[in-house]
N, C-alpha and C. Protein backbone atom coordinates (compact mmCIF):
# COMPACT_ATOMS: atom_id res chain seq x y z
N MET A 1 -2.88 -8.56 6.75
CA MET A 1 -1.69 -7.90 7.27
C MET A 1 -1.77 -6.43 6.92
N ASN A 2 -1.58 -5.58 7.91
CA ASN A 2 -1.64 -4.14 7.69
C ASN A 2 -0.28 -3.50 7.45
N ASP A 3 0.79 -4.14 7.89
CA ASP A 3 2.13 -3.57 7.72
C ASP A 3 2.62 -3.81 6.30
N ALA A 4 3.36 -2.84 5.77
CA ALA A 4 3.89 -2.98 4.41
C ALA A 4 5.11 -2.09 4.23
N VAL A 5 6.04 -2.57 3.45
CA VAL A 5 7.11 -1.74 2.90
C VAL A 5 6.62 -1.33 1.52
N ILE A 6 6.64 -0.03 1.25
CA ILE A 6 6.05 0.51 0.02
C ILE A 6 7.13 1.22 -0.79
N ILE A 7 7.20 0.88 -2.05
CA ILE A 7 8.09 1.54 -3.00
C ILE A 7 7.19 2.19 -4.04
N ARG A 8 7.28 3.50 -4.20
CA ARG A 8 6.41 4.23 -5.12
C ARG A 8 7.23 4.91 -6.22
N GLY A 9 6.73 4.82 -7.42
CA GLY A 9 7.29 5.60 -8.52
C GLY A 9 8.66 5.18 -8.99
N LEU A 10 8.95 3.88 -8.94
CA LEU A 10 10.23 3.38 -9.44
C LEU A 10 10.21 3.46 -10.97
N ARG A 11 11.02 4.35 -11.54
CA ARG A 11 11.08 4.55 -12.99
C ARG A 11 12.05 3.54 -13.59
N LEU A 12 11.59 2.88 -14.65
CA LEU A 12 12.38 1.82 -15.28
C LEU A 12 12.36 1.99 -16.79
N TRP A 13 13.50 1.89 -17.41
CA TRP A 13 13.59 1.86 -18.88
C TRP A 13 13.66 0.39 -19.27
N ALA A 14 12.71 -0.06 -20.09
CA ALA A 14 12.66 -1.48 -20.44
C ALA A 14 12.22 -1.66 -21.88
N HIS A 15 12.58 -2.80 -22.43
CA HIS A 15 12.26 -3.15 -23.82
C HIS A 15 11.07 -4.10 -23.81
N VAL A 16 9.89 -3.51 -23.68
CA VAL A 16 8.64 -4.27 -23.56
C VAL A 16 7.60 -3.62 -24.47
N GLY A 17 6.94 -4.43 -25.28
CA GLY A 17 5.86 -3.91 -26.11
C GLY A 17 5.53 -4.86 -27.25
N VAL A 18 4.34 -4.74 -27.75
CA VAL A 18 3.89 -5.57 -28.86
C VAL A 18 4.58 -5.15 -30.15
N LEU A 19 4.78 -3.85 -30.31
CA LEU A 19 5.43 -3.35 -31.53
C LEU A 19 6.93 -3.59 -31.47
N GLU A 20 7.49 -3.97 -32.61
CA GLU A 20 8.91 -4.30 -32.66
C GLU A 20 9.79 -3.15 -32.17
N TRP A 21 9.46 -1.93 -32.55
CA TRP A 21 10.30 -0.79 -32.13
C TRP A 21 10.28 -0.60 -30.62
N GLU A 22 9.18 -0.97 -29.95
CA GLU A 22 9.13 -0.86 -28.48
C GLU A 22 10.16 -1.78 -27.84
N ARG A 23 10.27 -2.99 -28.38
CA ARG A 23 11.24 -3.94 -27.84
C ARG A 23 12.67 -3.59 -28.26
N LYS A 24 12.83 -2.96 -29.42
CA LYS A 24 14.16 -2.60 -29.89
C LYS A 24 14.73 -1.38 -29.15
N TYR A 25 13.93 -0.33 -29.01
CA TYR A 25 14.43 0.93 -28.46
C TYR A 25 14.11 1.14 -26.99
N GLY A 26 13.06 0.50 -26.49
CA GLY A 26 12.69 0.64 -25.09
C GLY A 26 11.84 1.87 -24.81
N GLN A 27 11.34 1.94 -23.58
CA GLN A 27 10.50 3.06 -23.16
C GLN A 27 10.38 3.05 -21.64
N TRP A 28 9.79 4.12 -21.10
CA TRP A 28 9.67 4.27 -19.65
C TRP A 28 8.46 3.51 -19.10
N PHE A 29 8.70 2.92 -17.95
CA PHE A 29 7.67 2.29 -17.14
C PHE A 29 7.80 2.84 -15.73
N GLU A 30 6.73 2.75 -14.97
CA GLU A 30 6.78 3.16 -13.57
C GLU A 30 6.12 2.06 -12.74
N LEU A 31 6.73 1.76 -11.60
CA LEU A 31 6.31 0.63 -10.78
C LEU A 31 6.07 1.06 -9.35
N ASP A 32 4.94 0.64 -8.80
CA ASP A 32 4.65 0.77 -7.37
C ASP A 32 4.58 -0.64 -6.79
N ILE A 33 5.16 -0.80 -5.60
CA ILE A 33 5.21 -2.11 -4.95
C ILE A 33 4.78 -1.96 -3.50
N ASN A 34 3.89 -2.82 -3.05
CA ASN A 34 3.56 -2.97 -1.63
C ASN A 34 3.95 -4.38 -1.23
N LEU A 35 4.85 -4.49 -0.27
CA LEU A 35 5.29 -5.79 0.24
C LEU A 35 4.80 -5.92 1.67
N TYR A 36 3.90 -6.86 1.89
CA TYR A 36 3.22 -6.99 3.19
C TYR A 36 3.98 -7.96 4.08
N LEU A 37 4.42 -7.45 5.22
CA LEU A 37 5.14 -8.26 6.21
C LEU A 37 5.06 -7.56 7.55
N PRO A 38 5.22 -8.31 8.65
CA PRO A 38 5.18 -7.69 9.98
C PRO A 38 6.40 -6.78 10.17
N LEU A 39 6.15 -5.57 10.64
CA LEU A 39 7.22 -4.59 10.81
C LEU A 39 7.47 -4.21 12.27
N ALA A 40 6.67 -4.74 13.19
CA ALA A 40 6.79 -4.34 14.60
C ALA A 40 8.18 -4.62 15.17
N ALA A 41 8.71 -5.82 14.93
CA ALA A 41 10.02 -6.17 15.50
C ALA A 41 11.12 -5.26 14.96
N ALA A 42 11.09 -4.99 13.66
CA ALA A 42 12.09 -4.09 13.07
C ALA A 42 11.96 -2.69 13.66
N GLY A 43 10.73 -2.25 13.88
CA GLY A 43 10.51 -0.93 14.47
C GLY A 43 10.96 -0.85 15.91
N GLU A 44 10.66 -1.88 16.68
CA GLU A 44 11.04 -1.89 18.10
C GLU A 44 12.54 -2.02 18.29
N ASN A 45 13.18 -2.83 17.45
CA ASN A 45 14.60 -3.13 17.63
C ASN A 45 15.53 -2.34 16.71
N ASP A 46 14.97 -1.56 15.80
CA ASP A 46 15.76 -0.80 14.83
C ASP A 46 16.77 -1.72 14.15
N ASP A 47 16.25 -2.85 13.62
CA ASP A 47 17.10 -3.92 13.10
C ASP A 47 16.69 -4.28 11.68
N LEU A 48 17.57 -4.00 10.72
CA LEU A 48 17.29 -4.28 9.32
C LEU A 48 17.08 -5.77 9.05
N THR A 49 17.68 -6.64 9.84
CA THR A 49 17.52 -8.08 9.61
C THR A 49 16.11 -8.56 9.92
N GLU A 50 15.30 -7.73 10.57
CA GLU A 50 13.92 -8.11 10.90
C GLU A 50 12.91 -7.51 9.93
N THR A 51 13.40 -6.99 8.83
CA THR A 51 12.53 -6.46 7.78
C THR A 51 13.16 -6.82 6.44
N LEU A 52 12.83 -6.10 5.39
CA LEU A 52 13.49 -6.34 4.11
C LEU A 52 14.21 -5.07 3.68
N ASN A 53 15.22 -5.24 2.88
CA ASN A 53 16.02 -4.12 2.42
C ASN A 53 15.46 -3.66 1.08
N TYR A 54 14.74 -2.54 1.08
CA TYR A 54 14.11 -2.08 -0.15
C TYR A 54 15.14 -1.70 -1.22
N ALA A 55 16.36 -1.34 -0.82
CA ALA A 55 17.41 -1.05 -1.81
C ALA A 55 17.73 -2.30 -2.63
N ASP A 56 17.73 -3.48 -2.00
CA ASP A 56 17.96 -4.73 -2.73
C ASP A 56 16.84 -5.01 -3.72
N VAL A 57 15.60 -4.74 -3.30
CA VAL A 57 14.46 -4.94 -4.19
C VAL A 57 14.58 -4.03 -5.40
N ILE A 58 14.86 -2.75 -5.16
CA ILE A 58 14.96 -1.77 -6.24
C ILE A 58 16.07 -2.16 -7.22
N GLU A 59 17.24 -2.48 -6.71
CA GLU A 59 18.36 -2.82 -7.60
C GLU A 59 18.07 -4.09 -8.41
N SER A 60 17.45 -5.08 -7.80
CA SER A 60 17.12 -6.32 -8.52
C SER A 60 16.12 -6.06 -9.64
N ILE A 61 15.15 -5.21 -9.39
CA ILE A 61 14.16 -4.90 -10.42
C ILE A 61 14.77 -4.03 -11.51
N ARG A 62 15.65 -3.12 -11.15
CA ARG A 62 16.37 -2.34 -12.17
C ARG A 62 17.18 -3.26 -13.09
N GLN A 63 17.82 -4.24 -12.49
CA GLN A 63 18.60 -5.21 -13.29
C GLN A 63 17.68 -5.99 -14.23
N LEU A 64 16.53 -6.43 -13.72
CA LEU A 64 15.55 -7.11 -14.57
C LEU A 64 15.15 -6.22 -15.74
N ALA A 65 14.84 -4.95 -15.47
CA ALA A 65 14.39 -4.03 -16.52
C ALA A 65 15.46 -3.85 -17.59
N ARG A 66 16.71 -3.86 -17.20
CA ARG A 66 17.80 -3.70 -18.18
C ARG A 66 17.90 -4.92 -19.11
N GLN A 67 17.45 -6.08 -18.65
CA GLN A 67 17.62 -7.32 -19.41
C GLN A 67 16.36 -7.80 -20.13
N ILE A 68 15.21 -7.35 -19.69
CA ILE A 68 13.95 -7.91 -20.18
C ILE A 68 13.70 -7.53 -21.64
N ASN A 69 13.05 -8.44 -22.35
CA ASN A 69 12.59 -8.19 -23.71
C ASN A 69 11.36 -9.06 -23.91
N CYS A 70 10.18 -8.47 -23.77
CA CYS A 70 8.93 -9.22 -23.91
C CYS A 70 7.87 -8.31 -24.50
N GLN A 71 6.72 -8.89 -24.82
CA GLN A 71 5.67 -8.13 -25.50
C GLN A 71 4.70 -7.45 -24.54
N THR A 72 4.36 -8.08 -23.43
CA THR A 72 3.26 -7.56 -22.62
C THR A 72 3.72 -7.07 -21.24
N ILE A 73 2.99 -6.07 -20.74
CA ILE A 73 3.29 -5.63 -19.38
C ILE A 73 2.84 -6.68 -18.36
N GLU A 74 1.93 -7.56 -18.76
CA GLU A 74 1.57 -8.67 -17.90
C GLU A 74 2.77 -9.59 -17.66
N SER A 75 3.50 -9.88 -18.73
CA SER A 75 4.70 -10.71 -18.60
C SER A 75 5.77 -9.99 -17.78
N PHE A 76 5.95 -8.71 -18.03
CA PHE A 76 6.90 -7.91 -17.26
C PHE A 76 6.53 -7.95 -15.78
N SER A 77 5.24 -7.77 -15.47
CA SER A 77 4.81 -7.78 -14.06
C SER A 77 5.05 -9.14 -13.42
N GLU A 78 4.84 -10.22 -14.17
CA GLU A 78 5.10 -11.56 -13.63
C GLU A 78 6.58 -11.73 -13.29
N GLN A 79 7.44 -11.21 -14.15
CA GLN A 79 8.88 -11.32 -13.89
C GLN A 79 9.31 -10.44 -12.71
N VAL A 80 8.62 -9.32 -12.50
CA VAL A 80 8.88 -8.51 -11.30
C VAL A 80 8.55 -9.32 -10.06
N ILE A 81 7.40 -9.98 -10.05
CA ILE A 81 7.00 -10.79 -8.90
C ILE A 81 7.99 -11.93 -8.68
N GLU A 82 8.40 -12.60 -9.75
CA GLU A 82 9.38 -13.69 -9.63
C GLU A 82 10.71 -13.18 -9.08
N THR A 83 11.10 -11.97 -9.45
CA THR A 83 12.33 -11.38 -8.93
C THR A 83 12.22 -11.15 -7.43
N ILE A 84 11.11 -10.61 -6.98
CA ILE A 84 10.90 -10.39 -5.54
C ILE A 84 10.89 -11.73 -4.81
N ASP A 85 10.20 -12.73 -5.38
CA ASP A 85 10.16 -14.07 -4.78
C ASP A 85 11.56 -14.66 -4.64
N SER A 86 12.42 -14.40 -5.63
CA SER A 86 13.77 -14.97 -5.59
C SER A 86 14.61 -14.38 -4.46
N ILE A 87 14.26 -13.19 -4.01
CA ILE A 87 15.01 -12.55 -2.92
C ILE A 87 14.44 -12.94 -1.56
N TYR A 88 13.11 -12.85 -1.42
CA TYR A 88 12.48 -13.00 -0.10
C TYR A 88 11.54 -14.19 0.02
N GLY A 89 11.38 -14.97 -1.03
CA GLY A 89 10.41 -16.05 -1.00
C GLY A 89 9.03 -15.49 -1.28
N VAL A 90 8.06 -16.38 -1.35
CA VAL A 90 6.69 -15.98 -1.64
C VAL A 90 6.14 -15.22 -0.44
N MET A 91 5.62 -14.02 -0.70
CA MET A 91 5.05 -13.19 0.36
C MET A 91 3.85 -12.44 -0.21
N PRO A 92 2.95 -11.98 0.66
CA PRO A 92 1.84 -11.16 0.15
C PRO A 92 2.40 -9.87 -0.45
N LEU A 93 1.85 -9.50 -1.60
CA LEU A 93 2.33 -8.28 -2.26
C LEU A 93 1.28 -7.74 -3.20
N GLU A 94 1.48 -6.50 -3.60
CA GLU A 94 0.68 -5.88 -4.64
C GLU A 94 1.62 -5.01 -5.45
N ILE A 95 1.51 -5.11 -6.78
CA ILE A 95 2.30 -4.23 -7.63
C ILE A 95 1.38 -3.58 -8.66
N GLU A 96 1.76 -2.39 -9.08
CA GLU A 96 1.12 -1.74 -10.22
C GLU A 96 2.24 -1.30 -11.16
N LEU A 97 2.20 -1.81 -12.38
CA LEU A 97 3.21 -1.50 -13.39
C LEU A 97 2.54 -0.68 -14.48
N ARG A 98 3.07 0.53 -14.71
CA ARG A 98 2.49 1.45 -15.68
C ARG A 98 3.43 1.65 -16.88
N LYS A 99 2.85 1.59 -18.05
CA LYS A 99 3.55 1.95 -19.28
C LYS A 99 3.27 3.43 -19.50
N CYS A 100 4.31 4.25 -19.43
CA CYS A 100 4.12 5.70 -19.32
C CYS A 100 3.63 6.37 -20.60
N ASN A 101 4.02 5.90 -21.75
CA ASN A 101 3.61 6.52 -23.01
C ASN A 101 3.27 5.45 -24.05
N PRO A 102 2.16 4.76 -23.87
CA PRO A 102 1.84 3.70 -24.83
C PRO A 102 1.58 4.29 -26.21
N PRO A 103 1.96 3.56 -27.26
CA PRO A 103 1.81 4.08 -28.62
C PRO A 103 0.36 3.97 -29.12
N ILE A 104 -0.49 4.83 -28.57
CA ILE A 104 -1.90 4.86 -28.95
C ILE A 104 -2.20 6.28 -29.43
N ALA A 105 -2.59 6.42 -30.67
CA ALA A 105 -2.84 7.74 -31.25
C ALA A 105 -3.86 8.53 -30.43
N GLY A 106 -3.51 9.77 -30.11
CA GLY A 106 -4.42 10.65 -29.39
C GLY A 106 -4.56 10.37 -27.91
N PHE A 107 -3.77 9.46 -27.37
CA PHE A 107 -3.86 9.11 -25.94
C PHE A 107 -2.58 9.57 -25.25
N ASN A 108 -2.72 10.40 -24.23
CA ASN A 108 -1.56 10.95 -23.54
C ASN A 108 -1.39 10.41 -22.12
N GLY A 109 -2.16 9.43 -21.74
CA GLY A 109 -2.08 8.87 -20.39
C GLY A 109 -1.14 7.67 -20.33
N CYS A 110 -1.36 6.87 -19.32
CA CYS A 110 -0.59 5.64 -19.19
C CYS A 110 -1.56 4.47 -19.09
N VAL A 111 -1.05 3.28 -19.30
CA VAL A 111 -1.82 2.05 -19.09
C VAL A 111 -1.10 1.25 -18.02
N ALA A 112 -1.83 0.39 -17.32
CA ALA A 112 -1.22 -0.31 -16.19
C ALA A 112 -1.84 -1.68 -16.00
N VAL A 113 -1.08 -2.52 -15.32
CA VAL A 113 -1.61 -3.76 -14.77
C VAL A 113 -1.36 -3.73 -13.27
N ARG A 114 -2.30 -4.28 -12.54
CA ARG A 114 -2.15 -4.41 -11.09
C ARG A 114 -2.23 -5.89 -10.76
N ARG A 115 -1.28 -6.33 -9.96
CA ARG A 115 -1.23 -7.73 -9.53
C ARG A 115 -1.25 -7.74 -8.01
N ARG A 116 -2.03 -8.65 -7.45
CA ARG A 116 -2.10 -8.76 -6.00
C ARG A 116 -2.02 -10.23 -5.62
N ARG A 117 -1.22 -10.51 -4.61
CA ARG A 117 -1.14 -11.86 -4.08
C ARG A 117 -1.26 -11.77 -2.57
N ASP A 118 -2.26 -12.47 -2.04
CA ASP A 118 -2.47 -12.49 -0.58
C ASP A 118 -1.68 -13.60 0.07
């Protein structure tokens, strides 16, 4: 499938990390989502009911981020996928979840997991 609704750079404050202080105080994450679905009918008919509402996806994931408390970004990413599934059912998707400032001495980048489901 070539069509996709894409959400880029969704910033999330979440309590995720192996270290206790990461789960207690929280930190920034950034999420990219590709949701693969046919978009021709929505484009031709200008009809939101023939596509998905990305605002609903964003708000549901923000709510998840406010409530989550886990150790790994792998677990966080799984819960993101489950949240999307709960709204739209199982669909092809790809997500990349980045931990913006991991507590690694001398490292100023980010770390990420990428999940893809065809």
